[in-house]
């Protein structure tokens, strides 16, 4: 499993599978091959949903946002 963290708060906000991480990595922009952080917006979730990305992943990301418009999200293997 992969743990997701709110960068600003340093708190764990969810868990996803390796396959879901690959979908997220394919969607989000990476600044380098070692990048483990993403800037996530509510709009990203809407667009991912329209593109048919895994609905469980989108639910986890929306829960991580907790009603906010955006956040920095970090991942690490558990």
N, C-alpha and C. Protein backbone atom coordinates (compact mmCIF):
# COMPACT_ATOMS: atom_id res chain seq x y z
N UNK A 1 0.84 -1.19 0.00
CA UNK A 1 0.00 0.00 0.00
C UNK A 1 0.88 1.25 0.00
N UNK A 2 0.28 2.32 -0.46
CA UNK A 2 0.94 3.63 -0.55
C UNK A 2 0.20 4.59 0.37
N UNK A 3 0.93 5.26 1.24
CA UNK A 3 0.34 6.25 2.13
C UNK A 3 0.41 7.62 1.48
N UNK A 4 -0.67 8.39 1.65
CA UNK A 4 -0.73 9.76 1.14
C UNK A 4 -0.71 10.71 2.33
N UNK A 5 0.06 11.80 2.20
CA UNK A 5 0.22 12.77 3.27
C UNK A 5 -0.08 14.17 2.79
N UNK A 6 -0.69 14.95 3.67
CA UNK A 6 -0.88 16.39 3.47
C UNK A 6 0.47 17.02 3.80
N UNK A 7 1.13 17.61 2.81
CA UNK A 7 2.47 18.16 3.01
C UNK A 7 2.46 19.26 4.06
N UNK A 8 1.49 20.16 4.00
CA UNK A 8 1.45 21.29 4.93
C UNK A 8 1.27 20.85 6.38
N UNK A 9 0.37 19.90 6.60
CA UNK A 9 0.08 19.45 7.96
C UNK A 9 0.99 18.30 8.41
N UNK A 10 1.55 17.59 7.44
CA UNK A 10 2.38 16.44 7.77
C UNK A 10 1.58 15.23 8.23
N UNK A 11 0.28 15.23 7.95
CA UNK A 11 -0.57 14.15 8.42
C UNK A 11 -0.94 13.20 7.27
N UNK A 12 -1.15 11.95 7.64
CA UNK A 12 -1.58 10.94 6.68
C UNK A 12 -3.04 11.19 6.35
N UNK A 13 -3.36 11.22 5.05
CA UNK A 13 -4.72 11.53 4.63
C UNK A 13 -5.37 10.41 3.83
N UNK A 14 -4.66 9.33 3.61
CA UNK A 14 -5.27 8.23 2.87
C UNK A 14 -4.27 7.17 2.47
N UNK A 15 -4.81 6.10 1.88
CA UNK A 15 -3.99 5.00 1.38
C UNK A 15 -4.53 4.58 0.01
N UNK A 16 -3.60 4.26 -0.89
CA UNK A 16 -3.97 3.79 -2.22
C UNK A 16 -3.09 2.60 -2.58
N UNK A 17 -3.49 1.91 -3.63
CA UNK A 17 -2.71 0.77 -4.11
C UNK A 17 -1.60 1.27 -5.05
N UNK A 18 -0.67 0.39 -5.35
CA UNK A 18 0.40 0.72 -6.30
C UNK A 18 -0.19 1.04 -7.67
N UNK A 19 -1.23 0.31 -8.06
CA UNK A 19 -1.88 0.56 -9.35
C UNK A 19 -2.53 1.94 -9.37
N UNK A 20 -3.16 2.33 -8.28
CA UNK A 20 -3.77 3.66 -8.19
C UNK A 20 -2.69 4.74 -8.22
N UNK A 21 -1.55 4.47 -7.59
CA UNK A 21 -0.44 5.43 -7.63
C UNK A 21 0.03 5.62 -9.07
N UNK A 22 0.11 4.55 -9.84
CA UNK A 22 0.52 4.67 -11.24
C UNK A 22 -0.46 5.54 -12.02
N UNK A 23 -1.74 5.39 -11.75
CA UNK A 23 -2.75 6.22 -12.42
C UNK A 23 -2.57 7.69 -12.02
N UNK A 24 -2.32 7.92 -10.74
CA UNK A 24 -2.09 9.29 -10.25
C UNK A 24 -0.84 9.89 -10.87
N UNK A 25 0.23 9.11 -10.93
CA UNK A 25 1.48 9.58 -11.52
C UNK A 25 1.31 9.90 -13.00
N UNK A 26 0.49 9.11 -13.68
CA UNK A 26 0.24 9.36 -15.09
C UNK A 26 -0.56 10.64 -15.32
N UNK A 27 -1.34 11.00 -14.34
CA UNK A 27 -2.19 12.19 -14.45
C UNK A 27 -1.45 13.46 -14.04
N UNK A 28 -0.71 13.39 -12.95
CA UNK A 28 -0.09 14.58 -12.36
C UNK A 28 1.25 14.88 -13.01
N UNK A 29 1.67 16.12 -12.87
CA UNK A 29 2.95 16.56 -13.42
C UNK A 29 4.05 16.34 -12.39
N UNK A 30 5.13 15.67 -12.82
CA UNK A 30 6.29 15.46 -11.95
C UNK A 30 7.39 16.41 -12.37
N UNK A 31 8.05 16.99 -11.36
CA UNK A 31 9.15 17.90 -11.65
C UNK A 31 10.46 17.15 -11.87
N UNK A 32 10.55 15.93 -11.33
CA UNK A 32 11.73 15.09 -11.55
C UNK A 32 11.31 13.64 -11.35
N UNK A 33 12.18 12.72 -11.70
CA UNK A 33 11.86 11.30 -11.54
C UNK A 33 11.84 10.90 -10.07
N UNK A 34 12.41 11.73 -9.20
CA UNK A 34 12.42 11.44 -7.78
C UNK A 34 11.35 12.22 -7.02
N UNK A 35 10.51 12.93 -7.75
CA UNK A 35 9.46 13.74 -7.14
C UNK A 35 8.43 12.84 -6.47
N UNK A 36 8.09 13.14 -5.23
CA UNK A 36 7.10 12.38 -4.48
C UNK A 36 5.94 13.26 -4.02
N UNK A 37 5.88 14.49 -4.54
CA UNK A 37 4.84 15.43 -4.16
C UNK A 37 4.08 15.91 -5.39
N UNK A 38 2.79 16.12 -5.18
CA UNK A 38 1.94 16.62 -6.24
C UNK A 38 1.07 17.75 -5.71
N UNK A 39 0.77 18.69 -6.57
CA UNK A 39 -0.18 19.75 -6.27
C UNK A 39 -1.53 19.26 -6.77
N UNK A 40 -2.45 19.05 -5.87
CA UNK A 40 -3.76 18.49 -6.19
C UNK A 40 -4.82 19.57 -6.02
N UNK A 41 -5.73 19.65 -6.98
CA UNK A 41 -6.85 20.58 -6.88
C UNK A 41 -8.17 19.82 -6.99
N UNK A 42 -9.23 20.46 -6.51
CA UNK A 42 -10.56 19.89 -6.65
C UNK A 42 -10.89 19.70 -8.14
N UNK A 43 -10.42 20.62 -8.96
CA UNK A 43 -10.65 20.51 -10.41
C UNK A 43 -9.96 19.27 -10.98
N UNK A 44 -8.76 18.93 -10.47
CA UNK A 44 -8.09 17.71 -10.92
C UNK A 44 -9.00 16.50 -10.69
N UNK A 45 -9.63 16.45 -9.52
CA UNK A 45 -10.52 15.33 -9.21
C UNK A 45 -11.68 15.27 -10.19
N UNK A 46 -12.24 16.42 -10.52
CA UNK A 46 -13.34 16.47 -11.49
C UNK A 46 -12.89 15.95 -12.85
N UNK A 47 -11.73 16.42 -13.29
CA UNK A 47 -11.22 16.02 -14.60
C UNK A 47 -10.86 14.53 -14.64
N UNK A 48 -10.27 14.03 -13.56
CA UNK A 48 -9.94 12.61 -13.49
C UNK A 48 -11.21 11.77 -13.57
N UNK A 49 -12.25 12.23 -12.89
CA UNK A 49 -13.52 11.51 -12.92
C UNK A 49 -14.08 11.47 -14.34
N UNK A 50 -14.02 12.60 -15.04
CA UNK A 50 -14.49 12.67 -16.43
C UNK A 50 -13.70 11.75 -17.35
N UNK A 51 -12.42 11.54 -17.03
CA UNK A 51 -11.55 10.70 -17.86
C UNK A 51 -11.65 9.22 -17.49
N UNK A 52 -12.46 8.90 -16.48
CA UNK A 52 -12.66 7.50 -16.13
C UNK A 52 -11.58 6.91 -15.24
N UNK A 53 -10.85 7.76 -14.55
CA UNK A 53 -9.84 7.27 -13.60
C UNK A 53 -10.56 6.53 -12.47
N UNK A 54 -9.90 5.57 -11.88
CA UNK A 54 -10.44 4.74 -10.79
C UNK A 54 -11.24 5.57 -9.78
N UNK A 55 -12.54 5.29 -9.65
CA UNK A 55 -13.39 6.07 -8.74
C UNK A 55 -12.96 5.98 -7.28
N UNK A 56 -12.38 4.86 -6.87
CA UNK A 56 -11.90 4.73 -5.49
C UNK A 56 -10.75 5.69 -5.24
N UNK A 57 -9.85 5.83 -6.20
CA UNK A 57 -8.74 6.78 -6.09
C UNK A 57 -9.28 8.20 -5.96
N UNK A 58 -10.24 8.54 -6.78
CA UNK A 58 -10.81 9.89 -6.75
C UNK A 58 -11.47 10.16 -5.39
N UNK A 59 -12.14 9.17 -4.84
CA UNK A 59 -12.74 9.33 -3.51
C UNK A 59 -11.69 9.60 -2.46
N UNK A 60 -10.60 8.87 -2.49
CA UNK A 60 -9.50 9.08 -1.53
C UNK A 60 -8.93 10.49 -1.68
N UNK A 61 -8.75 10.94 -2.91
CA UNK A 61 -8.19 12.28 -3.14
C UNK A 61 -9.15 13.37 -2.67
N UNK A 62 -10.42 13.20 -2.92
CA UNK A 62 -11.41 14.19 -2.46
C UNK A 62 -11.46 14.23 -0.93
N UNK A 63 -11.36 13.08 -0.30
CA UNK A 63 -11.34 13.04 1.17
C UNK A 63 -10.08 13.72 1.70
N UNK A 64 -8.98 13.57 0.99
CA UNK A 64 -7.73 14.23 1.41
C UNK A 64 -7.88 15.75 1.32
N UNK A 65 -8.56 16.23 0.31
CA UNK A 65 -8.76 17.68 0.16
C UNK A 65 -9.63 18.25 1.29
N UNK A 66 -10.52 17.47 1.84
CA UNK A 66 -11.39 17.90 2.95
C UNK A 66 -12.08 19.22 2.66
N UNK A 67 -12.63 19.35 1.46
CA UNK A 67 -13.37 20.55 1.11
C UNK A 67 -12.53 21.72 0.64
N UNK A 68 -11.22 21.58 0.69
CA UNK A 68 -10.34 22.66 0.20
C UNK A 68 -10.28 22.63 -1.32
N UNK A 69 -9.86 23.72 -1.90
CA UNK A 69 -9.71 23.81 -3.35
C UNK A 69 -8.42 23.17 -3.84
N UNK A 70 -7.38 23.15 -2.98
CA UNK A 70 -6.09 22.61 -3.41
C UNK A 70 -5.24 22.20 -2.21
N UNK A 71 -4.21 21.44 -2.49
CA UNK A 71 -3.26 21.01 -1.46
C UNK A 71 -2.03 20.41 -2.13
N UNK A 72 -0.95 20.33 -1.36
CA UNK A 72 0.22 19.58 -1.78
C UNK A 72 0.11 18.20 -1.13
N UNK A 73 0.29 17.18 -1.92
CA UNK A 73 0.12 15.79 -1.51
C UNK A 73 1.44 15.06 -1.72
N UNK A 74 1.84 14.29 -0.72
CA UNK A 74 3.08 13.49 -0.82
C UNK A 74 2.71 12.02 -0.64
N UNK A 75 3.48 11.15 -1.28
CA UNK A 75 3.23 9.71 -1.11
C UNK A 75 4.49 9.00 -0.68
N UNK A 76 4.29 7.88 0.00
CA UNK A 76 5.41 7.00 0.34
C UNK A 76 4.89 5.58 0.55
N UNK A 77 5.73 4.62 0.26
CA UNK A 77 5.36 3.23 0.45
C UNK A 77 5.25 2.91 1.93
N UNK A 78 4.30 2.05 2.25
CA UNK A 78 4.14 1.63 3.65
C UNK A 78 4.87 0.32 3.86
